[in-house]
């Protein structure tokens, strides 16, 4: 009997301490170093997204069904579940990467995505009048979605190098990179993503302490850029006309129809909504499972639910910036701040379009809208954000570890 009970104490000793503060396994150290609140808020958004896609799926299935092709009512929900199953492991694995490896991955990813972005105008797939996707057989891939997190980390790394060499023209280098990306995006055309890249670049310049003269000059150039876009860029002109002059025809008329349908849908449920599956206006709404999913949430779950979701996005952004207040590593600070800014700007634009406060831009709502490329790319971005905000609370308390410039802090 003693032999039968013999392995138990040994197994107990091997398991003792697992999951506690003293757990020195890779998983245990990751769990205690990670920002668990930020991870929890992200998982909550993903769960909300599944509910929202489930609500929008029947309307989208009806819209894309015809006499020859029938789409099951919950087709998009099942696919979203599959994408979540792929995205969650990606998010967790990326969040476990050391800072140095995460930075190298972002540099390689930027180069690869830029190459793919250059291929889009040549061999890309057209949908709804825009060529933004590459067909890889199993699924369509949107290179610009994957480029966003990688590009932000790359720009943050270049800006952080100024601490080593003040003569390095980081503003010119990062500005040229942003201009190249903007040009490639406008060829698709994708004006919304162009705005996101430019806003994040300017935000990173401000955070990195770029000369006030340069910042003021860039801000002063924004109105001139908008006027130039209106005069010489047909897509921007059509969307601005549809927003300012509702009677416009052509492309603008389609945009105006979408914004009207979004407004009617988001307000149809009142404060508390019609209840899951009770919405009817969503069946008139184009792209209700992607760009206009916030409106579907408003109809079925009410404006109060929309407010809660907006607060969730705000909580994530505020959480990151509060955590960065005492960050000493410039690269971590710039990278995490840039990723949080991109997350917040994209969320704000998407919600503004759905509520009629901004022209139609084809912008998905992070972690909530349907889409494989968007969900996986956002998971990479959030994984990088979690990796850059990881910190061991006991490191800075030890007198044996350098407080500034330590390899443990910089990940180098």
Foldseek 3Di string as FASTA:
>chain_A
DCVVCVCVVVVCVVCPPPCHPPDPDLVNLLVQQFPVVLVVLLVVLLVLQLLLLLLLQQLQQVVPADPVRHDDSCNLSVVSVVLCVVQVVLLQVLLSDFLVVNLVVLQVLLVVLLVVLVCQVPQFDDDPRFGQWHDPPVDTAGSLLLNQLSLQLNLLVLLLCCVVPVPPPSVVVNVVVLVSVLVSCCVRPFVPSNVLSVVLNLVLCVVSPHDPVVNVVVVVCVVVVLVCCLVPRVVSVLQVCCLPPVVDDDPSVVQVQQLVLLQCQLPQQAAAACARNRGDSSSVHPLCQWLRSLSSCSHHGNPPVSVVVLVSLVCSLVVQVVLLPPQDRSSLNSSLNSLNSSLSSLQVVSVCSSNSNGTDRRGGNQSNHGDSNNSNSVSSSSSSNRNSSGDDPCQCVDPVADPPPGCNRNSD
